[in-house]
PDB file of all heavy atoms in Angstrom:
ATOM      1  N   VAL A   1     125.407  90.068  32.060  1.00  0.00           N
ATOM      2  CA  VAL A   1     125.580  90.454  33.538  1.00  0.00           C
ATOM      3  C   VAL A   1     124.994  89.354  34.401  1.00  0.00           C
ATOM      4  O   VAL A   1     124.107  88.690  33.938  1.00  0.00           O
ATOM      5  CB  VAL A   1     124.905  91.763  33.752  1.00  0.00           C
ATOM      6  CG1 VAL A   1     123.402  91.686  33.532  1.00  0.00           C
ATOM      7  CG2 VAL A   1     125.227  92.328  35.158  1.00  0.00           C
ATOM      8  N   GLN A   2     125.616  89.158  35.565  1.00  0.00           N
ATOM      9  CA  GLN A   2     125.153  88.184  36.557  1.00  0.00           C
ATOM     10  C   GLN A   2     123.886  88.626  37.247  1.00  0.00           C
ATOM     11  O   GLN A   2     123.665  89.836  37.400  1.00  0.00           O
ATOM     12  CB  GLN A   2     126.261  87.879  37.475  1.00  0.00           C
ATOM     13  CG  GLN A   2     127.500  87.080  36.901  1.00  0.00           C
ATOM     14  CD  GLN A   2     128.429  86.634  37.966  1.00  0.00           C
ATOM     15  OE1 GLN A   2     128.333  87.085  39.074  1.00  0.00           O
ATOM     16  NE2 GLN A   2     129.250  85.686  37.535  1.00  0.00           N
ATOM     17  N   PRO A   3     123.013  87.664  37.598  1.00  0.00           N
ATOM     18  CA  PRO A   3     121.868  88.048  38.488  1.00  0.00           C
ATOM     19  C   PRO A   3     122.342  88.898  39.659  1.00  0.00           C
ATOM     20  O   PRO A   3     123.316  88.525  40.300  1.00  0.00           O
ATOM     21  CB  PRO A   3     121.325  86.762  38.896  1.00  0.00           C
ATOM     22  CG  PRO A   3     121.732  85.749  37.789  1.00  0.00           C
ATOM     23  CD  PRO A   3     123.115  86.319  37.341  1.00  0.00           C
ATOM     24  N   GLY A   4     121.547  89.933  39.972  1.00  0.00           N
ATOM     25  CA  GLY A   4     121.878  90.848  41.002  1.00  0.00           C
ATOM     26  C   GLY A   4     122.827  92.024  40.526  1.00  0.00           C
ATOM     27  O   GLY A   4     122.998  92.957  41.326  1.00  0.00           O
ATOM     28  N   GLY A   5     123.336  91.888  39.323  1.00  0.00           N
ATOM     29  CA  GLY A   5     124.214  92.911  38.931  1.00  0.00           C
ATOM     30  C   GLY A   5     123.455  94.116  38.327  1.00  0.00           C
ATOM     31  O   GLY A   5     122.292  94.227  38.342  1.00  0.00           O
ATOM     32  N   SER A   6     124.277  95.045  37.757  1.00  0.00           N
ATOM     33  CA  SER A   6     123.827  96.352  37.271  1.00  0.00           C
ATOM     34  C   SER A   6     124.285  96.519  35.793  1.00  0.00           C
ATOM     35  O   SER A   6     125.389  95.989  35.417  1.00  0.00           O
ATOM     36  CB  SER A   6     124.146  97.488  38.077  1.00  0.00           C
ATOM     37  OG  SER A   6     123.639  97.384  39.368  1.00  0.00           O
ATOM     38  N   LEU A   7     123.545  97.320  35.086  1.00  0.00           N
ATOM     39  CA  LEU A   7     123.865  97.645  33.728  1.00  0.00           C
ATOM     40  C   LEU A   7     123.281  98.967  33.342  1.00  0.00           C
ATOM     41  O   LEU A   7     122.124  99.303  33.832  1.00  0.00           O
ATOM     42  CB  LEU A   7     123.354  96.571  32.711  1.00  0.00           C
ATOM     43  CG  LEU A   7     124.153  96.283  31.466  1.00  0.00           C
ATOM     44  CD1 LEU A   7     125.633  95.817  31.737  1.00  0.00           C
ATOM     45  CD2 LEU A   7     123.400  95.137  30.675  1.00  0.00           C
ATOM     46  N   ARG A   8     123.923  99.692  32.590  1.00  0.00           N
ATOM     47  CA  ARG A   8     123.420 101.050  32.195  1.00  0.00           C
ATOM     48  C   ARG A   8     123.360 101.135  30.638  1.00  0.00           C
ATOM     49  O   ARG A   8     124.390 100.950  29.926  1.00  0.00           O
ATOM     50  CB  ARG A   8     124.260 102.147  32.683  1.00  0.00           C
ATOM     51  CG  ARG A   8     123.664 103.555  32.455  1.00  0.00           C
ATOM     52  CD  ARG A   8     124.612 104.675  33.122  1.00  0.00           C
ATOM     53  NE  ARG A   8     123.990 105.977  33.007  1.00  0.00           N
ATOM     54  CZ  ARG A   8     123.186 106.469  33.981  1.00  0.00           C
ATOM     55  NH1 ARG A   8     122.867 105.815  35.008  1.00  0.00           N
ATOM     56  NH2 ARG A   8     122.700 107.745  33.810  1.00  0.00           N
ATOM     57  N   LEU A   9     122.157 101.326  30.104  1.00  0.00           N
ATOM     58  CA  LEU A   9     121.890 101.384  28.716  1.00  0.00           C
ATOM     59  C   LEU A   9     121.891 102.908  28.366  1.00  0.00           C
ATOM     60  O   LEU A   9     121.386 103.717  29.185  1.00  0.00           O
ATOM     61  CB  LEU A   9     120.653 100.757  28.290  1.00  0.00           C
ATOM     62  CG  LEU A   9     120.461  99.320  28.677  1.00  0.00           C
ATOM     63  CD1 LEU A   9     119.088  98.807  28.120  1.00  0.00           C
ATOM     64  CD2 LEU A   9     121.663  98.487  28.168  1.00  0.00           C
ATOM     65  N   SER A  10     122.295 103.189  27.154  1.00  0.00           N
ATOM     66  CA  SER A  10     122.184 104.565  26.639  1.00  0.00           C
ATOM     67  C   SER A  10     121.644 104.628  25.235  1.00  0.00           C
ATOM     68  O   SER A  10     121.876 103.659  24.459  1.00  0.00           O
ATOM     69  CB  SER A  10     123.617 105.283  26.657  1.00  0.00           C
ATOM     70  OG  SER A  10     123.504 106.634  26.399  1.00  0.00           O
ATOM     71  N   CYS A  11     120.932 105.706  24.973  1.00  0.00           N
ATOM     72  CA  CYS A  11     120.333 105.826  23.651  1.00  0.00           C
ATOM     73  C   CYS A  11     120.681 107.234  23.175  1.00  0.00           C
ATOM     74  O   CYS A  11     120.289 108.273  23.891  1.00  0.00           O
ATOM     75  CB  CYS A  11     118.843 105.680  23.652  1.00  0.00           C
ATOM     76  SG  CYS A  11     117.938 106.122  22.115  1.00  0.00           S
ATOM     77  N   ALA A  12     121.340 107.320  22.114  1.00  0.00           N
ATOM     78  CA  ALA A  12     121.722 108.582  21.440  1.00  0.00           C
ATOM     79  C   ALA A  12     120.833 108.918  20.278  1.00  0.00           C
ATOM     80  O   ALA A  12     120.730 108.070  19.380  1.00  0.00           O
ATOM     81  CB  ALA A  12     123.190 108.599  21.025  1.00  0.00           C
ATOM     82  N   ALA A  13     120.196 110.083  20.370  1.00  0.00           N
ATOM     83  CA  ALA A  13     119.230 110.483  19.363  1.00  0.00           C
ATOM     84  C   ALA A  13     119.803 111.598  18.493  1.00  0.00           C
ATOM     85  O   ALA A  13     120.544 112.465  18.840  1.00  0.00           O
ATOM     86  CB  ALA A  13     117.932 110.959  19.969  1.00  0.00           C
ATOM     87  N   SER A  14     119.442 111.516  17.175  1.00  0.00           N
ATOM     88  CA  SER A  14     119.917 112.562  16.193  1.00  0.00           C
ATOM     89  C   SER A  14     118.759 112.666  15.239  1.00  0.00           C
ATOM     90  O   SER A  14     117.983 111.787  14.998  1.00  0.00           O
ATOM     91  CB  SER A  14     121.148 112.257  15.535  1.00  0.00           C
ATOM     92  OG  SER A  14     121.133 110.995  14.879  1.00  0.00           O
ATOM     93  N   GLY A  15     118.731 113.898  14.600  1.00  0.00           N
ATOM     94  CA  GLY A  15     117.697 114.188  13.563  1.00  0.00           C
ATOM     95  C   GLY A  15     116.429 114.629  14.087  1.00  0.00           C
ATOM     96  O   GLY A  15     115.433 114.740  13.329  1.00  0.00           O
ATOM     97  N   ILE A  16     116.247 114.849  15.430  1.00  0.00           N
ATOM     98  CA  ILE A  16     115.025 115.343  16.071  1.00  0.00           C
ATOM     99  C   ILE A  16     115.295 116.467  16.974  1.00  0.00           C
ATOM    100  O   ILE A  16     116.438 116.707  17.362  1.00  0.00           O
ATOM    101  CB  ILE A  16     114.308 114.222  16.831  1.00  0.00           C
ATOM    102  CG1 ILE A  16     115.180 113.675  18.002  1.00  0.00           C
ATOM    103  CG2 ILE A  16     113.886 113.021  15.920  1.00  0.00           C
ATOM    104  CD1 ILE A  16     114.521 112.708  18.955  1.00  0.00           C
ATOM    105  N   ILE A  17     114.259 117.254  17.237  1.00  0.00           N
ATOM    106  CA  ILE A  17     114.343 118.228  18.378  1.00  0.00           C
ATOM    107  C   ILE A  17     114.094 117.558  19.682  1.00  0.00           C
ATOM    108  O   ILE A  17     112.969 117.400  20.094  1.00  0.00           O
ATOM    109  CB  ILE A  17     113.376 119.436  18.199  1.00  0.00           C
ATOM    110  CG1 ILE A  17     113.585 119.995  16.685  1.00  0.00           C
ATOM    111  CG2 ILE A  17     113.478 120.457  19.195  1.00  0.00           C
ATOM    112  CD1 ILE A  17     112.535 121.077  16.386  1.00  0.00           C
ATOM    113  N   PHE A  18     115.151 117.024  20.196  1.00  0.00           N
ATOM    114  CA  PHE A  18     115.165 116.069  21.333  1.00  0.00           C
ATOM    115  C   PHE A  18     114.287 116.504  22.416  1.00  0.00           C
ATOM    116  O   PHE A  18     113.542 115.759  23.025  1.00  0.00           O
ATOM    117  CB  PHE A  18     116.560 115.702  21.770  1.00  0.00           C
ATOM    118  CG  PHE A  18     116.652 114.690  22.827  1.00  0.00           C
ATOM    119  CD1 PHE A  18     116.675 113.276  22.460  1.00  0.00           C
ATOM    120  CD2 PHE A  18     116.794 115.073  24.191  1.00  0.00           C
ATOM    121  CE1 PHE A  18     116.761 112.313  23.446  1.00  0.00           C
ATOM    122  CE2 PHE A  18     116.877 113.998  25.186  1.00  0.00           C
ATOM    123  CZ  PHE A  18     116.931 112.695  24.783  1.00  0.00           C
ATOM    124  N   ARG A  19     114.380 117.782  22.795  1.00  0.00           N
ATOM    125  CA  ARG A  19     113.714 118.265  24.044  1.00  0.00           C
ATOM    126  C   ARG A  19     112.206 118.189  23.915  1.00  0.00           C
ATOM    127  O   ARG A  19     111.474 118.210  24.910  1.00  0.00           O
ATOM    128  CB  ARG A  19     114.083 119.698  24.299  1.00  0.00           C
ATOM    129  CG  ARG A  19     113.739 120.695  23.350  1.00  0.00           C
ATOM    130  CD  ARG A  19     114.180 122.043  23.631  1.00  0.00           C
ATOM    131  NE  ARG A  19     113.731 123.131  22.696  1.00  0.00           N
ATOM    132  CZ  ARG A  19     114.465 123.313  21.555  1.00  0.00           C
ATOM    133  NH1 ARG A  19     115.632 122.732  21.397  1.00  0.00           N
ATOM    134  NH2 ARG A  19     113.994 124.244  20.707  1.00  0.00           N
ATOM    135  N   ASN A  20     111.679 118.013  22.734  1.00  0.00           N
ATOM    136  CA  ASN A  20     110.213 118.020  22.473  1.00  0.00           C
ATOM    137  C   ASN A  20     109.641 116.605  22.752  1.00  0.00           C
ATOM    138  O   ASN A  20     108.414 116.388  22.943  1.00  0.00           O
ATOM    139  CB  ASN A  20     109.845 118.473  21.129  1.00  0.00           C
ATOM    140  CG  ASN A  20     110.095 119.919  20.912  1.00  0.00           C
ATOM    141  OD1 ASN A  20     110.206 120.736  21.854  1.00  0.00           O
ATOM    142  ND2 ASN A  20     110.127 120.371  19.731  1.00  0.00           N
ATOM    143  N   PHE A  21     110.549 115.605  22.565  1.00  0.00           N
ATOM    144  CA  PHE A  21     109.994 114.185  22.513  1.00  0.00           C
ATOM    145  C   PHE A  21     109.943 113.503  23.775  1.00  0.00           C
ATOM    146  O   PHE A  21     110.701 113.671  24.670  1.00  0.00           O
ATOM    147  CB  PHE A  21     110.987 113.378  21.519  1.00  0.00           C
ATOM    148  CG  PHE A  21     110.722 113.584  20.132  1.00  0.00           C
ATOM    149  CD1 PHE A  21     111.121 114.833  19.448  1.00  0.00           C
ATOM    150  CD2 PHE A  21     110.261 112.548  19.381  1.00  0.00           C
ATOM    151  CE1 PHE A  21     110.807 114.902  18.157  1.00  0.00           C
ATOM    152  CE2 PHE A  21     109.924 112.724  18.005  1.00  0.00           C
ATOM    153  CZ  PHE A  21     110.293 113.933  17.372  1.00  0.00           C
ATOM    154  N   VAL A  22     108.900 112.650  23.956  1.00  0.00           N
ATOM    155  CA  VAL A  22     108.901 111.714  24.978  1.00  0.00           C
ATOM    156  C   VAL A  22     109.863 110.569  24.651  1.00  0.00           C
ATOM    157  O   VAL A  22     109.925 110.092  23.471  1.00  0.00           O
ATOM    158  CB  VAL A  22     107.486 111.080  25.174  1.00  0.00           C
ATOM    159  CG1 VAL A  22     107.477 109.966  26.223  1.00  0.00           C
ATOM    160  CG2 VAL A  22     106.412 112.160  25.503  1.00  0.00           C
ATOM    161  N   MET A  23     110.668 110.199  25.663  1.00  0.00           N
ATOM    162  CA  MET A  23     111.643 109.111  25.381  1.00  0.00           C
ATOM    163  C   MET A  23     111.280 107.885  26.229  1.00  0.00           C
ATOM    164  O   MET A  23     110.747 108.047  27.362  1.00  0.00           O
ATOM    165  CB  MET A  23     113.019 109.591  25.796  1.00  0.00           C
ATOM    166  CG  MET A  23     113.508 110.810  25.012  1.00  0.00           C
ATOM    167  SD  MET A  23     113.622 110.529  23.194  1.00  0.00           S
ATOM    168  CE  MET A  23     114.750 109.296  23.075  1.00  0.00           C
ATOM    169  N   ALA A  24     111.507 106.756  25.673  1.00  0.00           N
ATOM    170  CA  ALA A  24     111.090 105.551  26.378  1.00  0.00           C
ATOM    171  C   ALA A  24     112.012 104.391  26.066  1.00  0.00           C
ATOM    172  O   ALA A  24     112.656 104.311  24.968  1.00  0.00           O
ATOM    173  CB  ALA A  24     109.643 105.170  26.051  1.00  0.00           C
ATOM    174  N   TRP A  25     112.036 103.439  26.938  1.00  0.00           N
ATOM    175  CA  TRP A  25     112.658 102.170  26.727  1.00  0.00           C
ATOM    176  C   TRP A  25     111.605 101.023  26.724  1.00  0.00           C
ATOM    177  O   TRP A  25     110.747 101.003  27.597  1.00  0.00           O
ATOM    178  CB  TRP A  25     113.707 101.893  27.879  1.00  0.00           C
ATOM    179  CG  TRP A  25     114.910 102.668  27.739  1.00  0.00           C
ATOM    180  CD1 TRP A  25     115.187 103.820  28.340  1.00  0.00           C
ATOM    181  CD2 TRP A  25     116.126 102.378  26.949  1.00  0.00           C
ATOM    182  NE1 TRP A  25     116.463 104.277  27.958  1.00  0.00           N
ATOM    183  CE2 TRP A  25     116.995 103.467  27.099  1.00  0.00           C
ATOM    184  CE3 TRP A  25     116.452 101.305  26.067  1.00  0.00           C
ATOM    185  CZ2 TRP A  25     118.295 103.428  26.521  1.00  0.00           C
ATOM    186  CZ3 TRP A  25     117.655 101.313  25.421  1.00  0.00           C
ATOM    187  CH2 TRP A  25     118.526 102.394  25.703  1.00  0.00           C
ATOM    188  N   TYR A  26     111.711 100.138  25.782  1.00  0.00           N
ATOM    189  CA  TYR A  26     110.944  98.952  25.708  1.00  0.00           C
ATOM    190  C   TYR A  26     111.804  97.688  25.704  1.00  0.00           C
ATOM    191  O   TYR A  26     112.988  97.854  25.499  1.00  0.00           O
ATOM    192  CB  TYR A  26     110.104  98.990  24.499  1.00  0.00           C
ATOM    193  CG  TYR A  26     108.870  99.925  24.435  1.00  0.00           C
ATOM    194  CD1 TYR A  26     109.045 101.275  24.555  1.00  0.00           C
ATOM    195  CD2 TYR A  26     107.634  99.439  24.454  1.00  0.00           C
ATOM    196  CE1 TYR A  26     107.984 102.125  24.537  1.00  0.00           C
ATOM    197  CE2 TYR A  26     106.491 100.215  24.510  1.00  0.00           C
ATOM    198  CZ  TYR A  26     106.691 101.636  24.472  1.00  0.00           C
ATOM    199  OH  TYR A  26     105.603 102.482  24.585  1.00  0.00           O
ATOM    200  N   ARG A  27     111.224  96.524  25.929  1.00  0.00           N
ATOM    201  CA  ARG A  27     112.001  95.293  25.805  1.00  0.00           C
ATOM    202  C   ARG A  27     111.150  94.238  25.194  1.00  0.00           C
ATOM    203  O   ARG A  27     109.888  94.277  25.284  1.00  0.00           O
ATOM    204  CB  ARG A  27     112.569  94.838  27.066  1.00  0.00           C
ATOM    205  CG  ARG A  27     111.555  94.386  28.207  1.00  0.00           C
ATOM    206  CD  ARG A  27     112.271  94.115  29.477  1.00  0.00           C
ATOM    207  NE  ARG A  27     111.308  93.471  30.403  1.00  0.00           N
ATOM    208  CZ  ARG A  27     111.642  93.268  31.727  1.00  0.00           C
ATOM    209  NH1 ARG A  27     112.878  93.645  32.188  1.00  0.00           N
ATOM    210  NH2 ARG A  27     110.744  92.727  32.543  1.00  0.00           N
ATOM    211  N   GLN A  28     111.843  93.261  24.613  1.00  0.00           N
ATOM    212  CA  GLN A  28     111.101  92.167  23.944  1.00  0.00           C
ATOM    213  C   GLN A  28     111.915  90.881  24.041  1.00  0.00           C
ATOM    214  O   GLN A  28     113.134  90.889  23.824  1.00  0.00           O
ATOM    215  CB  GLN A  28     110.813  92.520  22.428  1.00  0.00           C
ATOM    216  CG  GLN A  28     109.949  91.543  21.791  1.00  0.00           C
ATOM    217  CD  GLN A  28     109.511  92.077  20.426  1.00  0.00           C
ATOM    218  OE1 GLN A  28     110.217  92.895  19.835  1.00  0.00           O
ATOM    219  NE2 GLN A  28     108.406  91.576  19.939  1.00  0.00           N
ATOM    220  N   THR A  29     111.185  89.767  24.254  1.00  0.00           N
ATOM    221  CA  THR A  29     111.827  88.474  24.337  1.00  0.00           C
ATOM    222  C   THR A  29     111.104  87.659  23.170  1.00  0.00           C
ATOM    223  O   THR A  29     109.998  87.968  22.853  1.00  0.00           O
ATOM    224  CB  THR A  29     111.663  87.772  25.611  1.00  0.00           C
ATOM    225  OG1 THR A  29     110.291  87.761  26.058  1.00  0.00           O
ATOM    226  CG2 THR A  29     112.515  88.533  26.714  1.00  0.00           C
ATOM    227  N   PRO A  30     111.769  86.622  22.712  1.00  0.00           N
ATOM    228  CA  PRO A  30     111.143  85.802  21.603  1.00  0.00           C
ATOM    229  C   PRO A  30     109.820  85.328  21.958  1.00  0.00           C
ATOM    230  O   PRO A  30     109.623  84.752  23.067  1.00  0.00           O
ATOM    231  CB  PRO A  30     112.181  84.655  21.464  1.00  0.00           C
ATOM    232  CG  PRO A  30     113.526  85.305  21.826  1.00  0.00           C
ATOM    233  CD  PRO A  30     113.140  86.202  22.961  1.00  0.00           C
ATOM    234  N   GLY A  31     108.902  85.497  21.076  1.00  0.00           N
ATOM    235  CA  GLY A  31     107.533  84.957  21.307  1.00  0.00           C
ATOM    236  C   GLY A  31     106.619  85.871  22.171  1.00  0.00           C
ATOM    237  O   GLY A  31     105.449  85.514  22.388  1.00  0.00           O
ATOM    238  N   LYS A  32     107.132  86.980  22.550  1.00  0.00           N
ATOM    239  CA  LYS A  32     106.348  87.887  23.427  1.00  0.00           C
ATOM    240  C   LYS A  32     106.218  89.199  22.742  1.00  0.00           C
ATOM    241  O   LYS A  32     107.086  89.624  21.984  1.00  0.00           O
ATOM    242  CB  LYS A  32     106.916  87.982  24.816  1.00  0.00           C
ATOM    243  CG  LYS A  32     106.869  86.791  25.559  1.00  0.00           C
ATOM    244  CD  LYS A  32     107.357  87.003  27.031  1.00  0.00           C
ATOM    245  CE  LYS A  32     107.207  85.848  27.993  1.00  0.00           C
ATOM    246  NZ  LYS A  32     107.678  86.003  29.324  1.00  0.00           N
ATOM    247  N   GLU A  33     105.232  89.896  23.146  1.00  0.00           N
ATOM    248  CA  GLU A  33     105.060  91.328  22.586  1.00  0.00           C
ATOM    249  C   GLU A  33     106.092  92.251  23.351  1.00  0.00           C
ATOM    250  O   GLU A  33     106.470  92.037  24.430  1.00  0.00           O
ATOM    251  CB  GLU A  33     103.639  91.844  22.915  1.00  0.00           C
ATOM    252  CG  GLU A  33     102.611  91.167  22.030  1.00  0.00           C
ATOM    253  CD  GLU A  33     101.256  91.787  22.194  1.00  0.00           C
ATOM    254  OE1 GLU A  33     101.074  92.756  22.869  1.00  0.00           O
ATOM    255  OE2 GLU A  33     100.314  91.372  21.508  1.00  0.00           O
ATOM    256  N   ARG A  34     106.413  93.304  22.583  1.00  0.00           N
ATOM    257  CA  ARG A  34     107.265  94.385  23.100  1.00  0.00           C
ATOM    258  C   ARG A  34     106.583  95.032  24.324  1.00  0.00           C
ATOM    259  O   ARG A  34     105.306  95.421  24.161  1.00  0.00           O
ATOM    260  CB  ARG A  34     107.702  95.328  22.004  1.00  0.00           C
ATOM    261  CG  ARG A  34     108.786  96.215  22.302  1.00  0.00           C
ATOM    262  CD  ARG A  34     109.260  96.944  21.017  1.00  0.00           C
ATOM    263  NE  ARG A  34     109.762  96.107  20.052  1.00  0.00           N
ATOM    264  CZ  ARG A  34     110.404  96.584  18.946  1.00  0.00           C
ATOM    265  NH1 ARG A  34     110.478  97.808  18.739  1.00  0.00           N
ATOM    266  NH2 ARG A  34     110.817  95.701  18.073  1.00  0.00           N
ATOM    267  N   GLU A  35     107.247  95.165  25.424  1.00  0.00           N
ATOM    268  CA  GLU A  35     106.623  95.729  26.620  1.00  0.00           C
ATOM    269  C   GLU A  35     107.344  97.031  27.044  1.00  0.00           C
ATOM    270  O   GLU A  35     108.594  97.109  26.877  1.00  0.00           O
ATOM    271  CB  GLU A  35     106.598  94.767  27.795  1.00  0.00           C
ATOM    272  CG  GLU A  35     107.876  94.370  28.299  1.00  0.00           C
ATOM    273  CD  GLU A  35     107.748  93.606  29.585  1.00  0.00           C
ATOM    274  OE1 GLU A  35     106.710  93.665  30.332  1.00  0.00           O
ATOM    275  OE2 GLU A  35     108.818  92.891  29.973  1.00  0.00           O
ATOM    276  N   PRO A  36     106.596  97.999  27.547  1.00  0.00           N
ATOM    277  CA  PRO A  36     107.178  99.215  28.001  1.00  0.00           C
ATOM    278  C   PRO A  36     108.051  98.940  29.327  1.00  0.00           C
ATOM    279  O   PRO A  36     107.540  98.275  30.150  1.00  0.00           O
ATOM    280  CB  PRO A  36     106.086 100.192  28.265  1.00  0.00           C
ATOM    281  CG  PRO A  36     104.872  99.286  28.446  1.00  0.00           C
ATOM    282  CD  PRO A  36     105.094  98.031  27.703  1.00  0.00           C
TER     283      PRO A  36
END
């Protein structure tokens, strides 16, 4: 995507009682720790 643009990510879960869980997105770039 170009700078200034938008993107929508989706995560589909299975095998869990979804409504009980905290859900989160993290990201990671090479050489860096995964960040919330």
